[in-house]
């Protein structure tokens, strides 16, 4: 998993409440267990017209936001079913950070396991960030995980709270497998002693 330390990128505004995982990645795209290639299905029902062409009114199709790396979203983002394909699709598109006033618990946890930083801010600060994100190609903000701070294009700063363990994992690029491998020497030592003590096992 890629480390997340500091990200400077275009922020796309999506002031929609209760964006569920089916909206993030429709069920038609759940036939794969690969984490790559799902970016094309991100927000597919809103992003494409019935004939399959891009919907020009959808925010991520607008020229200024086609390479957005940050999403500023409405309340209760990621609700609905617990499909891990949702963060996979966001990451495959290029989104590394989602900012909202609240997240569904399972989606929130899945983001950290896949290298995406979900940030909870107050409604007042979300409004400021939505205003920043509405500036098109000038909607560049910086998310500094180490200092737990968001910097807007005008120099304004917003602090955010995050669980210390989750922060550690993102800063060091540790998913569940990476966390296990941190104890590789202890695991190897146990396996050797166990093999000696129980040769029949």
Protein backbone atom coordinates (compact mmCIF):
# COMPACT_ATOMS: atom_id res chain seq x y z
CA UNK A 1 0.00 0.00 0.00
CA UNK A 2 1.33 3.46 -0.89
CA UNK A 3 2.22 5.77 1.98
CA UNK A 4 0.13 8.88 2.59
CA UNK A 5 2.12 11.77 4.01
CA UNK A 6 1.21 14.99 2.22
CA UNK A 7 -1.07 15.39 -0.79
CA UNK A 8 -1.47 18.51 -2.91
CA UNK A 9 -4.10 18.21 -5.60
CA UNK A 10 -7.33 19.38 -7.14
CA UNK A 11 -10.37 18.96 -4.89
CA UNK A 12 -13.70 18.16 -6.53
CA UNK A 13 -16.91 19.33 -4.84
CA UNK A 14 -19.69 16.77 -4.37
CA UNK A 15 -22.15 18.32 -1.89
CA UNK A 16 -24.49 15.33 -1.96
CA UNK A 17 -25.64 13.68 1.29
CA UNK A 18 -25.93 9.93 1.79
CA UNK A 19 -23.75 8.91 -1.15
CA UNK A 20 -23.91 5.12 -0.79
CA UNK A 21 -21.49 2.46 -2.00
CA UNK A 22 -23.85 1.49 -4.84
CA UNK A 23 -23.60 5.04 -6.17
CA UNK A 24 -19.81 4.97 -5.76
CA UNK A 25 -19.48 1.68 -7.65
CA UNK A 26 -22.67 0.07 -9.05
CA UNK A 27 -23.23 -3.66 -8.58
CA UNK A 28 -22.51 -4.39 -12.26
CA UNK A 29 -18.82 -3.83 -11.51
CA UNK A 30 -18.59 -6.22 -8.56
CA UNK A 31 -17.79 -9.32 -10.60
CA UNK A 32 -14.05 -8.85 -10.18
CA UNK A 33 -11.84 -9.24 -7.12
CA UNK A 34 -9.06 -7.20 -8.74
CA UNK A 35 -8.40 -3.78 -7.27
CA UNK A 36 -7.46 -2.27 -10.62
CA UNK A 37 -9.70 -1.25 -13.49
CA UNK A 38 -12.61 -0.16 -11.31
CA UNK A 39 -11.97 3.56 -11.85
CA UNK A 40 -14.00 3.45 -15.04
CA UNK A 41 -17.04 2.37 -13.00
CA UNK A 42 -16.70 5.07 -10.34
CA UNK A 43 -20.05 6.88 -10.02
CA UNK A 44 -21.00 5.22 -13.32
CA UNK A 45 -24.74 5.85 -13.06
CA UNK A 46 -24.16 9.58 -12.66
CA UNK A 47 -20.98 9.85 -14.70
CA UNK A 48 -22.32 8.38 -17.95
CA UNK A 49 -25.41 9.02 -20.03
CA UNK A 50 -27.66 6.18 -21.23
CA UNK A 51 -25.68 5.85 -24.47
CA UNK A 52 -22.47 5.38 -22.49
CA UNK A 53 -21.02 8.80 -23.26
CA UNK A 54 -19.70 11.00 -20.42
CA UNK A 55 -22.30 13.17 -18.69
CA UNK A 56 -20.92 16.72 -19.10
CA UNK A 57 -22.80 17.88 -15.99
CA UNK A 58 -21.12 15.40 -13.65
CA UNK A 59 -18.34 17.03 -11.65
CA UNK A 60 -15.59 14.50 -12.39
CA UNK A 61 -16.22 14.82 -16.12
CA UNK A 62 -15.61 18.55 -16.12
CA UNK A 63 -12.13 19.40 -17.47
CA UNK A 64 -11.00 21.07 -14.24
CA UNK A 65 -11.80 17.98 -12.14
CA UNK A 66 -10.91 15.03 -14.38
CA UNK A 67 -7.65 14.54 -12.46
CA UNK A 68 -9.02 15.33 -9.00
CA UNK A 69 -7.27 13.56 -6.13
CA UNK A 70 -9.46 14.90 -3.32
CA UNK A 71 -13.24 14.68 -2.98
CA UNK A 72 -15.16 17.12 -0.77
CA UNK A 73 -18.46 15.38 -0.10
CA UNK A 74 -21.73 15.71 1.79
CA UNK A 75 -22.74 14.07 5.06
CA UNK A 76 -22.77 10.27 5.57
CA UNK A 77 -20.49 9.41 2.66
CA UNK A 78 -20.06 5.69 1.91
CA UNK A 79 -23.28 4.44 3.50
CA UNK A 80 -25.08 1.34 2.25
CA UNK A 81 -23.55 -2.08 1.65
CA UNK A 82 -20.05 -2.87 2.88
CA UNK A 83 -18.46 -3.42 -0.53
CA UNK A 84 -14.72 -2.89 -0.48
CA UNK A 85 -14.91 -2.20 -4.22
CA UNK A 86 -15.99 1.36 -3.31
CA UNK A 87 -12.58 2.51 -2.02
CA UNK A 88 -10.92 0.40 -4.74
CA UNK A 89 -12.81 2.38 -7.40
CA UNK A 90 -11.98 5.73 -5.81
CA UNK A 91 -8.30 4.81 -5.58
CA UNK A 92 -8.16 3.47 -9.13
CA UNK A 93 -9.63 6.75 -10.40
CA UNK A 94 -6.97 8.67 -8.46
CA UNK A 95 -8.85 9.84 -5.35
CA UNK A 96 -6.55 9.60 -2.29
CA UNK A 97 -8.58 11.67 0.17
CA UNK A 98 -12.29 12.16 0.90
CA UNK A 99 -13.46 14.96 3.18
CA UNK A 100 -16.93 14.96 4.74
CA UNK A 101 -18.75 15.69 7.98
CA UNK A 102 -19.32 11.96 8.55
CA UNK A 103 -18.73 8.54 7.00
CA UNK A 104 -20.36 5.14 7.25
CA UNK A 105 -18.24 3.07 9.67
CA UNK A 106 -17.33 0.16 7.36
CA UNK A 107 -16.48 2.42 4.42
CA UNK A 108 -14.38 4.59 6.74
CA UNK A 109 -12.36 1.57 7.90
CA UNK A 110 -12.00 0.22 4.36
CA UNK A 111 -10.50 3.52 3.22
CA UNK A 112 -7.59 3.23 5.65
CA UNK A 113 -6.97 -0.38 4.60
CA UNK A 114 -6.62 0.75 0.99
CA UNK A 115 -4.52 3.89 1.32
CA UNK A 116 -7.28 6.49 1.22
CA UNK A 117 -7.50 9.16 3.91
CA UNK A 118 -11.08 9.94 5.02
CA UNK A 119 -11.20 13.21 6.97
CA UNK A 120 -14.08 14.30 9.21
CA UNK A 121 -14.58 18.07 9.51
CA UNK A 122 -17.25 20.30 10.99
CA UNK A 123 -20.16 21.51 8.80
CA UNK A 124 -18.68 25.00 8.88
CA UNK A 125 -15.29 23.82 7.67
CA UNK A 126 -16.91 21.64 5.02
CA UNK A 127 -18.63 24.72 3.63
CA UNK A 128 -15.26 26.47 3.40
CA UNK A 129 -13.73 23.52 1.62
CA UNK A 130 -16.68 23.21 -0.78
CA UNK A 131 -16.16 26.87 -1.62
CA UNK A 132 -12.46 26.19 -2.23
CA UNK A 133 -13.31 23.16 -4.37
CA UNK A 134 -15.77 25.14 -6.49
CA UNK A 135 -12.91 27.12 -8.06
CA UNK A 136 -12.28 24.65 -10.85
CA UNK A 137 -8.64 24.21 -11.81
CA UNK A 138 -7.71 26.64 -9.02
CA UNK A 139 -9.28 24.31 -6.44
CA UNK A 140 -5.92 23.03 -5.23
CA UNK A 141 -5.66 22.14 -1.56
CA UNK A 142 -2.97 20.42 0.49
CA UNK A 143 -3.69 17.66 2.98
CA UNK A 144 -0.86 17.16 5.46
CA UNK A 145 -1.44 13.97 7.42
CA UNK A 146 1.67 14.28 9.56
CA UNK A 147 0.54 17.67 10.90
CA UNK A 148 -3.17 16.84 10.56
CA UNK A 149 -3.90 19.98 8.60
CA UNK A 150 -5.70 21.02 5.40
CA UNK A 151 -4.49 24.14 3.57
CA UNK A 152 -6.75 25.94 1.12
CA UNK A 153 -5.77 27.92 -2.00
CA UNK A 154 -5.99 31.20 -0.08
CA UNK A 155 -3.74 29.97 2.72
CA UNK A 156 -6.49 29.15 5.20
CA UNK A 157 -5.79 26.17 7.44
CA UNK A 158 -8.11 23.60 8.96
CA UNK A 159 -6.97 21.08 11.58
CA UNK A 160 -8.48 17.62 11.76
CA UNK A 161 -8.47 14.74 14.24
CA UNK A 162 -7.58 11.16 13.37
CA UNK A 163 -7.01 7.94 15.28
CA UNK A 164 -3.29 7.63 16.07
CA UNK A 165 -3.06 3.99 14.94
CA UNK A 166 -4.84 4.64 11.63
CA UNK A 167 -2.59 7.66 11.08
CA UNK A 168 0.50 5.51 11.72
CA UNK A 169 -0.68 2.91 9.20
CA UNK A 170 -1.27 5.46 6.44
CA UNK A 171 1.96 7.35 7.06
CA UNK A 172 3.89 4.08 6.76
CA UNK A 173 1.81 2.45 4.01
CA UNK A 174 0.69 -0.43 6.21
CA UNK A 175 -2.37 -2.47 5.36
CA UNK A 176 -3.34 -5.62 7.29
CA UNK A 177 -0.66 -7.67 5.53
CA UNK A 178 1.96 -4.99 6.11
CA UNK A 179 1.11 -4.87 9.81
CA UNK A 180 1.55 -8.64 10.03
CA UNK A 181 4.90 -8.49 8.21
CA UNK A 182 6.18 -6.00 10.79
CA UNK A 183 6.26 -9.03 13.13
CA UNK A 184 7.89 -11.33 10.57
CA UNK A 185 10.94 -12.10 12.74
CA UNK A 186 8.77 -12.97 15.74
CA UNK A 187 6.54 -15.16 13.57
CA UNK A 188 9.58 -16.92 12.08
CA UNK A 189 11.04 -17.48 15.54
CA UNK A 190 7.76 -18.98 16.78
CA UNK A 191 7.49 -21.26 13.74
CA UNK A 192 11.01 -22.61 14.30
CA UNK A 193 10.49 -23.23 18.03
CA UNK A 194 7.08 -24.74 17.38
CA UNK A 195 8.53 -27.07 14.76
CA UNK A 196 11.16 -28.24 17.26
CA UNK A 197 8.64 -28.73 20.08
CA UNK A 198 6.01 -30.39 17.90
CA UNK A 199 7.77 -32.12 15.00
CA UNK A 200 4.64 -34.19 14.32
CA UNK A 201 2.46 -31.09 13.69
